[in-house]
Structure formats: structure tokens, C-alpha cells
Amino acid sequence: MAGPVPKCPLRPGDPCSLCQLYVTGPQDCGLVYLVMGDDALRDELAKSKKAAQKKASAPSEMSPLNAPDEDELGTDPRLEGLD
């Protein structure tokens, strides 16, 4: 039976991947300690999280279904003759 999986405070939504040597989770991660201990870095992290939330909650305007016929690569050859 597995216990709870700690989340990385620097990568929202991702589990702690123990990317630092001898780390057991975010509670003793040196990178988390440095970012959370620095006011400027913590503010940038908050801005980044807010931008990511805004982007995730906004409806995607570009999807394969409503993509324009022409783009920088030209038309999709698989779609030729399907009129």
C-alpha cells in the first residue's frame, strides 16, 4: 500500500521526482528551500503559477479542428481532394 505522493511546489501538478540527491521530498529539497527563501524568486514562482492557471483555464483557440487551412508549412497534403 503506497502512501501519499508529495507534490513539487516548483512544478505545479507534478509529483516530487526526488531530483536532488539524498532528498526524501519537498520538505528537504535544497532547490525548494532556495526558491522559497528568496523573495524575488518566490514572487516569480507565484507569477508563473498564476499565468499557468490562466492559460489552463482559458479555452484553447488553436486546436486541430479549427486550425486555419494555411500555415507556414502550407496545406496538409492528407487533406487534398477531400472536398
PDB file of N, CA and C in Angstrom:
ATOM      1  N   MET A   1       0.846  -1.174   0.000  1.00  0.00           N
ATOM      2  CA  MET A   1       0.000   0.000   0.000  1.00  0.00           C
ATOM      3  C   MET A   1       0.888   1.233   0.000  1.00  0.00           C
ATOM      4  N   ALA A   2       0.733   2.071  -0.993  1.00  0.00           N
ATOM      5  CA  ALA A   2       1.555   3.268  -1.127  1.00  0.00           C
ATOM      6  C   ALA A   2       0.957   4.411  -0.318  1.00  0.00           C
ATOM      7  N   GLY A   3       1.855   5.236   0.207  1.00  0.00           N
ATOM      8  CA  GLY A   3       1.414   6.408   0.958  1.00  0.00           C
ATOM      9  C   GLY A   3       1.121   7.562   0.023  1.00  0.00           C
ATOM     10  N   PRO A   4       0.844   8.717   0.591  1.00  0.00           N
ATOM     11  CA  PRO A   4       0.570   9.885  -0.242  1.00  0.00           C
ATOM     12  C   PRO A   4       1.808  10.300  -1.031  1.00  0.00           C
ATOM     13  N   VAL A   5       1.586  10.779  -2.229  1.00  0.00           N
ATOM     14  CA  VAL A   5       2.683  11.207  -3.095  1.00  0.00           C
ATOM     15  C   VAL A   5       2.854  12.716  -2.935  1.00  0.00           C
ATOM     16  N   PRO A   6       4.029  13.166  -2.467  1.00  0.00           N
ATOM     17  CA  PRO A   6       4.223  14.607  -2.301  1.00  0.00           C
ATOM     18  C   PRO A   6       4.289  15.315  -3.646  1.00  0.00           C
ATOM     19  N   LYS A   7       3.718  16.510  -3.710  1.00  0.00           N
ATOM     20  CA  LYS A   7       3.719  17.323  -4.930  1.00  0.00           C
ATOM     21  C   LYS A   7       4.886  18.300  -4.888  1.00  0.00           C
ATOM     22  N   CYS A   8       5.457  18.563  -6.037  1.00  0.00           N
ATOM     23  CA  CYS A   8       6.555  19.520  -6.148  1.00  0.00           C
ATOM     24  C   CYS A   8       5.977  20.932  -6.124  1.00  0.00           C
ATOM     25  N   PRO A   9       6.402  21.781  -5.190  1.00  0.00           N
ATOM     26  CA  PRO A   9       5.876  23.145  -5.152  1.00  0.00           C
ATOM     27  C   PRO A   9       6.396  24.023  -6.286  1.00  0.00           C
ATOM     28  N   LEU A  10       7.436  23.599  -6.970  1.00  0.00           N
ATOM     29  CA  LEU A  10       8.007  24.393  -8.059  1.00  0.00           C
ATOM     30  C   LEU A  10       7.429  24.017  -9.412  1.00  0.00           C
ATOM     31  N   ARG A  11       6.861  22.815  -9.524  1.00  0.00           N
ATOM     32  CA  ARG A  11       6.228  22.353 -10.768  1.00  0.00           C
ATOM     33  C   ARG A  11       4.806  21.936 -10.424  1.00  0.00           C
ATOM     34  N   PRO A  12       3.885  22.877 -10.451  1.00  0.00           N
ATOM     35  CA  PRO A  12       2.507  22.573 -10.031  1.00  0.00           C
ATOM     36  C   PRO A  12       1.914  21.388 -10.794  1.00  0.00           C
ATOM     37  N   GLY A  13       1.302  20.500 -10.037  1.00  0.00           N
ATOM     38  CA  GLY A  13       0.658  19.339 -10.643  1.00  0.00           C
ATOM     39  C   GLY A  13       1.559  18.128 -10.775  1.00  0.00           C
ATOM     40  N   ASP A  14       2.860  18.328 -10.676  1.00  0.00           N
ATOM     41  CA  ASP A  14       3.794  17.213 -10.810  1.00  0.00           C
ATOM     42  C   ASP A  14       4.160  16.659  -9.437  1.00  0.00           C
ATOM     43  N   PRO A  15       4.331  15.349  -9.344  1.00  0.00           N
ATOM     44  CA  PRO A  15       4.794  14.792  -8.077  1.00  0.00           C
ATOM     45  C   PRO A  15       6.267  15.113  -7.877  1.00  0.00           C
ATOM     46  N   CYS A  16       6.708  15.062  -6.642  1.00  0.00           N
ATOM     47  CA  CYS A  16       8.125  15.268  -6.349  1.00  0.00           C
ATOM     48  C   CYS A  16       8.892  14.109  -6.981  1.00  0.00           C
ATOM     49  N   SER A  17       9.833  14.442  -7.849  1.00  0.00           N
ATOM     50  CA  SER A  17      10.579  13.392  -8.548  1.00  0.00           C
ATOM     51  C   SER A  17      11.911  13.090  -7.879  1.00  0.00           C
ATOM     52  N   LEU A  18      12.123  13.671  -6.702  1.00  0.00           N
ATOM     53  CA  LEU A  18      13.365  13.456  -5.958  1.00  0.00           C
ATOM     54  C   LEU A  18      14.572  13.749  -6.843  1.00  0.00           C
ATOM     55  N   CYS A  19      14.532  14.908  -7.505  1.00  0.00           N
ATOM     56  CA  CYS A  19      15.566  15.259  -8.485  1.00  0.00           C
ATOM     57  C   CYS A  19      16.885  15.665  -7.836  1.00  0.00           C
ATOM     58  N   GLN A  20      16.898  15.892  -6.544  1.00  0.00           N
ATOM     59  CA  GLN A  20      18.132  16.220  -5.836  1.00  0.00           C
ATOM     60  C   GLN A  20      18.614  14.974  -5.083  1.00  0.00           C
ATOM     61  N   LEU A  21      19.905  14.840  -4.982  1.00  0.00           N
ATOM     62  CA  LEU A  21      20.499  13.693  -4.298  1.00  0.00           C
ATOM     63  C   LEU A  21      20.190  13.733  -2.798  1.00  0.00           C
ATOM     64  N   TYR A  22      19.866  12.623  -2.209  1.00  0.00           N
ATOM     65  CA  TYR A  22      19.594  12.455  -0.779  1.00  0.00           C
ATOM     66  C   TYR A  22      18.367  13.229  -0.308  1.00  0.00           C
ATOM     67  N   VAL A  23      17.406  13.441  -1.179  1.00  0.00           N
ATOM     68  CA  VAL A  23      16.182  14.157  -0.830  1.00  0.00           C
ATOM     69  C   VAL A  23      15.063  13.144  -0.670  1.00  0.00           C
ATOM     70  N   THR A  24      14.223  13.353   0.344  1.00  0.00           N
ATOM     71  CA  THR A  24      13.092  12.452   0.559  1.00  0.00           C
ATOM     72  C   THR A  24      11.773  13.081   0.145  1.00  0.00           C
ATOM     73  N   GLY A  25      11.799  14.344  -0.262  1.00  0.00           N
ATOM     74  CA  GLY A  25      10.594  15.048  -0.694  1.00  0.00           C
ATOM     75  C   GLY A  25      10.821  16.548  -0.676  1.00  0.00           C
ATOM     76  N   PRO A  26       9.782  17.333  -0.911  1.00  0.00           N
ATOM     77  CA  PRO A  26       9.933  18.787  -0.956  1.00  0.00           C
ATOM     78  C   PRO A  26      10.378  19.384   0.376  1.00  0.00           C
ATOM     79  N   GLN A  27      10.090  18.678   1.468  1.00  0.00           N
ATOM     80  CA  GLN A  27      10.419  19.216   2.782  1.00  0.00           C
ATOM     81  C   GLN A  27      11.920  19.354   3.019  1.00  0.00           C
ATOM     82  N   ASP A  28      12.744  18.580   2.329  1.00  0.00           N
ATOM     83  CA  ASP A  28      14.194  18.728   2.499  1.00  0.00           C
ATOM     84  C   ASP A  28      14.917  18.931   1.165  1.00  0.00           C
ATOM     85  N   CYS A  29      14.205  19.482   0.196  1.00  0.00           N
ATOM     86  CA  CYS A  29      14.782  19.763  -1.118  1.00  0.00           C
ATOM     87  C   CYS A  29      15.510  21.108  -1.074  1.00  0.00           C
ATOM     88  N   GLY A  30      16.759  21.110  -1.478  1.00  0.00           N
ATOM     89  CA  GLY A  30      17.549  22.334  -1.471  1.00  0.00           C
ATOM     90  C   GLY A  30      17.021  23.377  -2.433  1.00  0.00           C
ATOM     91  N   LEU A  31      16.543  22.950  -3.595  1.00  0.00           N
ATOM     92  CA  LEU A  31      16.024  23.897  -4.578  1.00  0.00           C
ATOM     93  C   LEU A  31      14.748  24.573  -4.066  1.00  0.00           C
ATOM     94  N   VAL A  32      13.865  23.806  -3.457  1.00  0.00           N
ATOM     95  CA  VAL A  32      12.646  24.378  -2.879  1.00  0.00           C
ATOM     96  C   VAL A  32      13.022  25.357  -1.771  1.00  0.00           C
ATOM     97  N   TYR A  33      13.994  24.991  -0.958  1.00  0.00           N
ATOM     98  CA  TYR A  33      14.457  25.865   0.126  1.00  0.00           C
ATOM     99  C   TYR A  33      14.979  27.188  -0.421  1.00  0.00           C
ATOM    100  N   LEU A  34      15.786  27.125  -1.482  1.00  0.00           N
ATOM    101  CA  LEU A  34      16.350  28.346  -2.061  1.00  0.00           C
ATOM    102  C   LEU A  34      15.270  29.235  -2.677  1.00  0.00           C
ATOM    103  N   VAL A  35      14.359  28.634  -3.428  1.00  0.00           N
ATOM    104  CA  VAL A  35      13.314  29.423  -4.088  1.00  0.00           C
ATOM    105  C   VAL A  35      12.374  30.040  -3.058  1.00  0.00           C
ATOM    106  N   MET A  36      11.949  29.260  -2.093  1.00  0.00           N
ATOM    107  CA  MET A  36      11.004  29.770  -1.103  1.00  0.00           C
ATOM    108  C   MET A  36      11.657  30.752  -0.133  1.00  0.00           C
ATOM    109  N   GLY A  37      12.974  30.697   0.002  1.00  0.00           N
ATOM    110  CA  GLY A  37      13.685  31.612   0.894  1.00  0.00           C
ATOM    111  C   GLY A  37      14.041  32.937   0.246  1.00  0.00           C
ATOM    112  N   ASP A  38      13.900  33.050  -1.062  1.00  0.00           N
ATOM    113  CA  ASP A  38      14.251  34.274  -1.785  1.00  0.00           C
ATOM    114  C   ASP A  38      12.965  34.969  -2.232  1.00  0.00           C
ATOM    115  N   ASP A  39      12.779  36.209  -1.775  1.00  0.00           N
ATOM    116  CA  ASP A  39      11.534  36.928  -2.081  1.00  0.00           C
ATOM    117  C   ASP A  39      11.307  37.095  -3.577  1.00  0.00           C
ATOM    118  N   ALA A  40      12.355  37.452  -4.318  1.00  0.00           N
ATOM    119  CA  ALA A  40      12.208  37.682  -5.760  1.00  0.00           C
ATOM    120  C   ALA A  40      11.853  36.387  -6.490  1.00  0.00           C
ATOM    121  N   LEU A  41      12.525  35.289  -6.144  1.00  0.00           N
ATOM    122  CA  LEU A  41      12.230  34.006  -6.791  1.00  0.00           C
ATOM    123  C   LEU A  41      10.828  33.518  -6.436  1.00  0.00           C
ATOM    124  N   ARG A  42      10.436  33.719  -5.176  1.00  0.00           N
ATOM    125  CA  ARG A  42       9.098  33.299  -4.759  1.00  0.00           C
ATOM    126  C   ARG A  42       8.026  34.101  -5.502  1.00  0.00           C
ATOM    127  N   ASP A  43       8.277  35.409  -5.710  1.00  0.00           N
ATOM    128  CA  ASP A  43       7.332  36.230  -6.472  1.00  0.00           C
ATOM    129  C   ASP A  43       7.248  35.769  -7.925  1.00  0.00           C
ATOM    130  N   GLU A  44       8.388  35.443  -8.529  1.00  0.00           N
ATOM    131  CA  GLU A  44       8.392  34.947  -9.912  1.00  0.00           C
ATOM    132  C   GLU A  44       7.657  33.617 -10.012  1.00  0.00           C
ATOM    133  N   LEU A  45       7.828  32.762  -9.007  1.00  0.00           N
ATOM    134  CA  LEU A  45       7.116  31.481  -8.991  1.00  0.00           C
ATOM    135  C   LEU A  45       5.610  31.714  -8.918  1.00  0.00           C
ATOM    136  N   ALA A  46       5.191  32.667  -8.088  1.00  0.00           N
ATOM    137  CA  ALA A  46       3.763  32.974  -7.976  1.00  0.00           C
ATOM    138  C   ALA A  46       3.218  33.503  -9.302  1.00  0.00           C
ATOM    139  N   LYS A  47       3.977  34.368  -9.980  1.00  0.00           N
ATOM    140  CA  LYS A  47       3.555  34.884 -11.289  1.00  0.00           C
ATOM    141  C   LYS A  47       3.447  33.749 -12.302  1.00  0.00           C
ATOM    142  N   SER A  48       4.417  32.858 -12.270  1.00  0.00           N
ATOM    143  CA  SER A  48       4.428  31.732 -13.201  1.00  0.00           C
ATOM    144  C   SER A  48       3.227  30.812 -12.959  1.00  0.00           C
ATOM    145  N   LYS A  49       2.928  30.539 -11.697  1.00  0.00           N
ATOM    146  CA  LYS A  49       1.781  29.691 -11.370  1.00  0.00           C
ATOM    147  C   LYS A  49       0.478  30.347 -11.814  1.00  0.00           C
ATOM    148  N   LYS A  50       0.371  31.665 -11.588  1.00  0.00           N
ATOM    149  CA  LYS A  50      -0.846  32.380 -11.969  1.00  0.00           C
ATOM    150  C   LYS A  50      -1.027  32.356 -13.483  1.00  0.00           C
ATOM    151  N   ALA A  51       0.065  32.553 -14.228  1.00  0.00           N
ATOM    152  CA  ALA A  51      -0.009  32.522 -15.693  1.00  0.00           C
ATOM    153  C   ALA A  51      -0.388  31.129 -16.189  1.00  0.00           C
ATOM    154  N   ALA A  52       0.159  30.092 -15.547  1.00  0.00           N
ATOM    155  CA  ALA A  52      -0.161  28.717 -15.944  1.00  0.00           C
ATOM    156  C   ALA A  52      -1.629  28.401 -15.671  1.00  0.00           C
ATOM    157  N   GLN A  53      -2.152  28.873 -14.534  1.00  0.00           N
ATOM    158  CA  GLN A  53      -3.565  28.648 -14.223  1.00  0.00           C
ATOM    159  C   GLN A  53      -4.458  29.369 -15.218  1.00  0.00           C
ATOM    160  N   LYS A  54      -4.076  30.600 -15.565  1.00  0.00           N
ATOM    161  CA  LYS A  54      -4.866  31.379 -16.515  1.00  0.00           C
ATOM    162  C   LYS A  54      -4.869  30.705 -17.881  1.00  0.00           C
ATOM    163  N   LYS A  55      -3.707  30.206 -18.299  1.00  0.00           N
ATOM    164  CA  LYS A  55      -3.599  29.531 -19.592  1.00  0.00           C
ATOM    165  C   LYS A  55      -4.404  28.233 -19.595  1.00  0.00           C
ATOM    166  N   ALA A  56      -4.366  27.503 -18.484  1.00  0.00           N
ATOM    167  CA  ALA A  56      -5.084  26.231 -18.413  1.00  0.00           C
ATOM    168  C   ALA A  56      -6.596  26.438 -18.382  1.00  0.00           C
ATOM    169  N   SER A  57      -7.043  27.533 -17.778  1.00  0.00           N
ATOM    170  CA  SER A  57      -8.484  27.751 -17.678  1.00  0.00           C
ATOM    171  C   SER A  57      -9.062  28.412 -18.927  1.00  0.00           C
ATOM    172  N   ALA A  58      -8.213  29.036 -19.738  1.00  0.00           N
ATOM    173  CA  ALA A  58      -8.688  29.685 -20.965  1.00  0.00           C
ATOM    174  C   ALA A  58      -8.968  28.633 -22.027  1.00  0.00           C
ATOM    175  N   PRO A  59     -10.047  28.790 -22.775  1.00  0.00           N
ATOM    176  CA  PRO A  59     -10.317  27.821 -23.847  1.00  0.00           C
ATOM    177  C   PRO A  59      -9.255  27.927 -24.932  1.00  0.00           C
ATOM    178  N   SER A  60      -8.876  26.808 -25.441  1.00  0.00           N
ATOM    179  CA  SER A  60      -7.852  26.774 -26.482  1.00  0.00           C
ATOM    180  C   SER A  60      -8.449  27.253 -27.796  1.00  0.00           C
ATOM    181  N   GLU A  61      -7.857  28.306 -28.350  1.00  0.00           N
ATOM    182  CA  GLU A  61      -8.349  28.828 -29.621  1.00  0.00           C
ATOM    183  C   GLU A  61      -7.785  28.047 -30.795  1.00  0.00           C
ATOM    184  N   MET A  62      -6.612  27.478 -30.626  1.00  0.00           N
ATOM    185  CA  MET A  62      -5.995  26.713 -31.709  1.00  0.00           C
ATOM    186  C   MET A  62      -6.094  25.226 -31.384  1.00  0.00           C
ATOM    187  N   SER A  63      -6.912  24.558 -32.096  1.00  0.00           N
ATOM    188  CA  SER A  63      -6.978  23.114 -31.985  1.00  0.00           C
ATOM    189  C   SER A  63      -6.933  22.571 -33.409  1.00  0.00           C
ATOM    190  N   PRO A  64      -6.626  21.312 -33.575  1.00  0.00           N
ATOM    191  CA  PRO A  64      -6.579  20.753 -34.929  1.00  0.00           C
ATOM    192  C   PRO A  64      -7.907  20.888 -35.668  1.00  0.00           C
ATOM    193  N   LEU A  65      -9.001  21.000 -34.931  1.00  0.00           N
ATOM    194  CA  LEU A  65     -10.305  21.082 -35.582  1.00  0.00           C
ATOM    195  C   LEU A  65     -10.610  22.464 -36.145  1.00  0.00           C
ATOM    196  N   ASN A  66     -10.060  23.519 -35.512  1.00  0.00           N
ATOM    197  CA  ASN A  66     -10.351  24.857 -36.015  1.00  0.00           C
ATOM    198  C   ASN A  66      -9.095  25.572 -36.498  1.00  0.00           C
ATOM    199  N   ALA A  67      -8.076  24.814 -36.864  1.00  0.00           N
ATOM    200  CA  ALA A  67      -6.839  25.402 -37.376  1.00  0.00           C
ATOM    201  C   ALA A  67      -7.086  25.949 -38.775  1.00  0.00           C
ATOM    202  N   PRO A  68      -6.416  27.030 -39.120  1.00  0.00           N
ATOM    203  CA  PRO A  68      -6.594  27.573 -40.474  1.00  0.00           C
ATOM    204  C   PRO A  68      -6.052  26.606 -41.524  1.00  0.00           C
ATOM    205  N   ASP A  69      -6.568  26.735 -42.749  1.00  0.00           N
ATOM    206  CA  ASP A  69      -6.130  25.852 -43.827  1.00  0.00           C
ATOM    207  C   ASP A  69      -4.673  26.084 -44.190  1.00  0.00           C
ATOM    208  N   GLU A  70      -4.240  27.314 -44.116  1.00  0.00           N
ATOM    209  CA  GLU A  70      -2.863  27.648 -44.483  1.00  0.00           C
ATOM    210  C   GLU A  70      -2.069  27.990 -43.229  1.00  0.00           C
ATOM    211  N   ASP A  71      -0.888  27.487 -43.136  1.00  0.00           N
ATOM    212  CA  ASP A  71       0.041  27.911 -42.096  1.00  0.00           C
ATOM    213  C   ASP A  71       1.411  28.032 -42.733  1.00  0.00           C
ATOM    214  N   GLU A  72       2.445  28.196 -41.936  1.00  0.00           N
ATOM    215  CA  GLU A  72       3.766  28.435 -42.511  1.00  0.00           C
ATOM    216  C   GLU A  72       4.281  27.248 -43.320  1.00  0.00           C
ATOM    217  N   LEU A  73       3.707  26.077 -43.140  1.00  0.00           N
ATOM    218  CA  LEU A  73       4.147  24.899 -43.885  1.00  0.00           C
ATOM    219  C   LEU A  73       3.260  24.610 -45.089  1.00  0.00           C
ATOM    220  N   GLY A  74       2.194  25.370 -45.251  1.00  0.00           N
ATOM    221  CA  GLY A  74       1.283  25.125 -46.363  1.00  0.00           C
ATOM    222  C   GLY A  74       0.149  24.209 -45.939  1.00  0.00           C
ATOM    223  N   THR A  75      -0.628  23.786 -46.909  1.00  0.00           N
ATOM    224  CA  THR A  75      -1.764  22.921 -46.599  1.00  0.00           C
ATOM    225  C   THR A  75      -1.290  21.507 -46.304  1.00  0.00           C
ATOM    226  N   ASP A  76      -2.086  20.809 -45.560  1.00  0.00           N
ATOM    227  CA  ASP A  76      -1.783  19.427 -45.215  1.00  0.00           C
ATOM    228  C   ASP A  76      -2.073  18.554 -46.431  1.00  0.00           C
ATOM    229  N   PRO A  77      -1.073  17.848 -46.963  1.00  0.00           N
ATOM    230  CA  PRO A  77      -1.299  17.045 -48.165  1.00  0.00           C
ATOM    231  C   PRO A  77      -2.317  15.925 -47.947  1.00  0.00           C
ATOM    232  N   ARG A  78      -2.537  15.509 -46.721  1.00  0.00           N
ATOM    233  CA  ARG A  78      -3.521  14.459 -46.455  1.00  0.00           C
ATOM    234  C   ARG A  78      -4.938  14.954 -46.667  1.00  0.00           C
ATOM    235  N   LEU A  79      -5.129  16.296 -46.654  1.00  0.00           N
ATOM    236  CA  LEU A  79      -6.467  16.852 -46.794  1.00  0.00           C
ATOM    237  C   LEU A  79      -6.811  17.218 -48.229  1.00  0.00           C
ATOM    238  N   GLU A  80      -5.860  17.105 -49.145  1.00  0.00           N
ATOM    239  CA  GLU A  80      -6.109  17.480 -50.533  1.00  0.00           C
ATOM    240  C   GLU A  80      -7.099  16.505 -51.170  1.00  0.00           C
ATOM    241  N   GLY A  81      -8.072  17.047 -51.863  1.00  0.00           N
ATOM    242  CA  GLY A  81      -9.049  16.226 -52.564  1.00  0.00           C
ATOM    243  C   GLY A  81     -10.153  15.690 -51.689  1.00  0.00           C
ATOM    244  N   LEU A  82     -10.292  16.195 -50.474  1.00  0.00           N
ATOM    245  CA  LEU A  82     -11.344  15.720 -49.577  1.00  0.00           C
ATOM    246  C   LEU A  82     -12.542  16.654 -49.550  1.00  0.00           C
ATOM    247  N   ASP A  83     -12.709  17.481 -50.570  1.00  0.00           N
ATOM    248  CA  ASP A  83     -13.813  18.453 -50.578  1.00  0.00           C
ATOM    249  C   ASP A  83     -15.135  17.805 -50.760  1.00  0.00           C
TER     250      ASP A  83
END
